[in-house]
C-alpha atoms as a PDB file:
ATOM      1  CA  PRO A   1      68.930  -1.565  63.469  1.00  0.00           C
ATOM      2  CA  ALA A   2      66.251  -1.696  60.551  1.00  0.00           C
ATOM      3  CA  GLY A   3      67.783  -4.276  58.894  1.00  0.00           C
ATOM      4  CA  GLN A   4      66.595  -6.881  61.489  1.00  0.00           C
ATOM      5  CA  ALA A   5      63.299  -6.140  60.490  1.00  0.00           C
ATOM      6  CA  VAL A   6      64.003  -7.287  57.051  1.00  0.00           C
ATOM      7  CA  ASP A   7      66.720 -10.764  57.758  1.00  0.00           C
ATOM      8  CA  ASN A   8      64.328 -13.802  57.294  1.00  0.00           C
ATOM      9  CA  ASP A   9      64.072 -14.917  60.743  1.00  0.00           C
ATOM     10  CA  VAL A  10      61.083 -14.335  62.016  1.00  0.00           C
ATOM     11  CA  SER A  11      61.071 -15.574  65.657  1.00  0.00           C
ATOM     12  CA  GLY A  12      60.197 -12.194  67.603  1.00  0.00           C
ATOM     13  CA  ALA A  13      62.036 -12.333  69.888  1.00  0.00           C
ATOM     14  CA  TYR A  14      64.281  -9.435  70.719  1.00  0.00           C
ATOM     15  CA  SER A  15      67.142 -10.808  72.736  1.00  0.00           C
ATOM     16  CA  GLY A  16      67.394 -13.337  69.435  1.00  0.00           C
ATOM     17  CA  GLY A  17      69.050 -10.276  67.592  1.00  0.00           C
ATOM     18  CA  HIS A  18      66.288 -10.695  64.761  1.00  0.00           C
ATOM     19  CA  VAL A  19      63.750  -7.361  65.780  1.00  0.00           C
ATOM     20  CA  SER A  20      63.668  -4.371  64.973  1.00  0.00           C
ATOM     21  CA  HIS A  21      61.606  -1.097  66.625  1.00  0.00           C
ATOM     22  CA  THR A  22      61.152   2.333  66.316  1.00  0.00           C
ATOM     23  CA  GLY A  23      62.745   4.515  69.035  1.00  0.00           C
ATOM     24  CA  TYR A  24      60.119   5.522  72.102  1.00  0.00           C
ATOM     25  CA  ALA A  25      57.608   8.488  70.842  1.00  0.00           C
ATOM     26  CA  THR A  26      57.100  10.929  73.188  1.00  0.00           C
ATOM     27  CA  ALA A  27      54.107  11.933  70.959  1.00  0.00           C
ATOM     28  CA  PRO A  28      51.049   9.868  70.240  1.00  0.00           C
ATOM     29  CA  ASN A  29      51.198   8.256  66.580  1.00  0.00           C
ATOM     30  CA  THR A  30      54.660  10.038  65.837  1.00  0.00           C
ATOM     31  CA  ALA A  31      56.518   6.774  65.491  1.00  0.00           C
ATOM     32  CA  TRP A  32      57.419   5.190  62.530  1.00  0.00           C
ATOM     33  CA  TRP A  33      59.941   2.432  60.260  1.00  0.00           C
ATOM     34  CA  GLN A  34      60.646   2.585  56.925  1.00  0.00           C
ATOM     35  CA  VAL A  35      61.983   0.585  54.105  1.00  0.00           C
ATOM     36  CA  ASP A  36      63.165   1.825  50.595  1.00  0.00           C
ATOM     37  CA  LEU A  37      63.186  -1.290  48.348  1.00  0.00           C
ATOM     38  CA  GLY A  38      65.906   0.633  46.005  1.00  0.00           C
ATOM     39  CA  GLY A  39      63.321   1.158  42.647  1.00  0.00           C
ATOM     40  CA  VAL A  40      59.609   0.000  41.613  1.00  0.00           C
ATOM     41  CA  ARG A  41      58.455  -2.931  42.626  1.00  0.00           C
ATOM     42  CA  TRP A  42      55.249  -4.701  42.690  1.00  0.00           C
ATOM     43  CA  ILE A  43      53.928  -5.760  45.297  1.00  0.00           C
ATOM     44  CA  GLY A  44      51.117  -8.060  46.671  1.00  0.00           C
ATOM     45  CA  GLY A  45      51.089  -7.650  50.103  1.00  0.00           C
ATOM     46  CA  ILE A  46      53.133  -7.374  53.106  1.00  0.00           C
ATOM     47  CA  GLN A  47      53.500  -9.357  55.743  1.00  0.00           C
ATOM     48  CA  ILE A  48      54.344  -7.749  59.436  1.00  0.00           C
ATOM     49  CA  TRP A  49      55.727 -10.301  62.154  1.00  0.00           C
ATOM     50  CA  ASN A  50      54.994  -8.847  65.521  1.00  0.00           C
ATOM     51  CA  ARG A  51      57.488  -9.689  68.548  1.00  0.00           C
ATOM     52  CA  THR A  52      57.160 -12.916  70.594  1.00  0.00           C
ATOM     53  CA  ASP A  53      58.081 -11.309  73.477  1.00  0.00           C
ATOM     54  CA  SER A  54      56.199 -11.547  76.904  1.00  0.00           C
ATOM     55  CA  GLY A  55      54.405  -8.079  77.742  1.00  0.00           C
ATOM     56  CA  PHE A  56      55.637  -6.416  74.123  1.00  0.00           C
ATOM     57  CA  THR A  57      53.543  -7.462  71.303  1.00  0.00           C
ATOM     58  CA  ASN A  58      50.750  -4.302  71.923  1.00  0.00           C
ATOM     59  CA  ARG A  59      53.606  -2.404  71.046  1.00  0.00           C
ATOM     60  CA  LEU A  60      52.764  -2.861  67.861  1.00  0.00           C
ATOM     61  CA  LYS A  61      48.982  -1.694  67.584  1.00  0.00           C
ATOM     62  CA  GLU A  62      46.562   0.472  65.802  1.00  0.00           C
ATOM     63  CA  PHE A  63      49.455   1.556  62.475  1.00  0.00           C
ATOM     64  CA  TYR A  64      49.090   2.553  58.821  1.00  0.00           C
ATOM     65  CA  VAL A  65      51.129   0.937  56.613  1.00  0.00           C
ATOM     66  CA  PHE A  66      52.060   3.507  53.062  1.00  0.00           C
ATOM     67  CA  VAL A  67      53.337   2.848  50.210  1.00  0.00           C
ATOM     68  CA  SER A  68      54.580   4.758  47.270  1.00  0.00           C
ATOM     69  CA  GLU A  69      56.971   4.925  44.226  1.00  0.00           C
ATOM     70  CA  GLU A  70      58.215   8.195  45.003  1.00  0.00           C
ATOM     71  CA  PRO A  71      59.980   8.397  48.398  1.00  0.00           C
ATOM     72  CA  PHE A  72      57.690  10.058  50.601  1.00  0.00           C
ATOM     73  CA  GLU A  73      57.445  14.310  51.165  1.00  0.00           C
ATOM     74  CA  SER A  74      56.393  13.819  55.141  1.00  0.00           C
ATOM     75  CA  SER A  75      56.571  11.977  57.819  1.00  0.00           C
ATOM     76  CA  ASN A  76      52.898  12.577  58.961  1.00  0.00           C
ATOM     77  CA  PRO A  77      50.275  10.182  59.177  1.00  0.00           C
ATOM     78  CA  ALA A  78      47.517  12.684  58.317  1.00  0.00           C
ATOM     79  CA  THR A  79      48.921  13.698  55.476  1.00  0.00           C
ATOM     80  CA  LEU A  80      49.904  10.868  53.903  1.00  0.00           C
ATOM     81  CA  ARG A  81      46.515   9.759  53.684  1.00  0.00           C
ATOM     82  CA  ASP A  82      45.716  12.587  52.337  1.00  0.00           C
ATOM     83  CA  ASP A  83      48.195  12.531  49.181  1.00  0.00           C
ATOM     84  CA  ALA A  84      46.570  10.676  46.634  1.00  0.00           C
ATOM     85  CA  SER A  85      49.947   9.246  45.171  1.00  0.00           C
ATOM     86  CA  VAL A  86      50.293   7.430  48.171  1.00  0.00           C
ATOM     87  CA  TRP A  87      48.671   4.364  49.050  1.00  0.00           C
ATOM     88  CA  HIS A  88      47.764   3.389  52.947  1.00  0.00           C
ATOM     89  CA  LYS A  89      46.287   1.116  55.302  1.00  0.00           C
ATOM     90  CA  PHE A  90      44.846   1.335  59.048  1.00  0.00           C
ATOM     91  CA  VAL A  91      45.928  -2.153  60.488  1.00  0.00           C
ATOM     92  CA  ALA A  92      43.289  -2.074  63.846  1.00  0.00           C
ATOM     93  CA  GLY A  93      43.720  -3.679  66.951  1.00  0.00           C
ATOM     94  CA  GLU A  94      46.873  -6.009  67.968  1.00  0.00           C
ATOM     95  CA  ALA A  95      49.458  -7.132  64.886  1.00  0.00           C
ATOM     96  CA  GLY A  96      50.129 -10.769  64.497  1.00  0.00           C
ATOM     97  CA  ARG A  97      52.326 -13.220  63.524  1.00  0.00           C
ATOM     98  CA  PRO A  98      51.633 -12.701  60.606  1.00  0.00           C
ATOM     99  CA  THR A  99      49.713  -9.697  60.052  1.00  0.00           C
ATOM    100  CA  ILE A 100      49.096  -9.945  56.417  1.00  0.00           C
ATOM    101  CA  ILE A 101      48.183  -6.747  54.149  1.00  0.00           C
ATOM    102  CA  PRO A 102      47.065  -6.826  50.616  1.00  0.00           C
ATOM    103  CA  VAL A 103      48.934  -4.263  48.678  1.00  0.00           C
END
C-alpha cells in the first residue's frame, strides 16, 4: 500500500511491512508513485529512503521527482518535464538512505 511510504518508518526491509513500491513496469520508465498532500503546502525538501533488502536497492534508480500545486494531467514523465507549472528533479544513479532533494 502507498501509505506505507509515509508512515515514518524508514527501516527499509520489505518484510517489516513499512515499504511501498510501484507495480512491475513492462515498459521502461513507466512505473510511478504519487502522494497528494491534500492542499498546497510549502515543501523545503523531499527525503526518499531506499529499501535495504539485499538485491533490491537497485530498483530505485534514475528517477524523477515532480511537484505541482495542481493535480497532474499526465503520468508521462516527458510531458510533466515540459510542463512549466510542474517542478521536477532527475535523480541519477541509485537512491540512498536518504536521498534528499531540495525543492
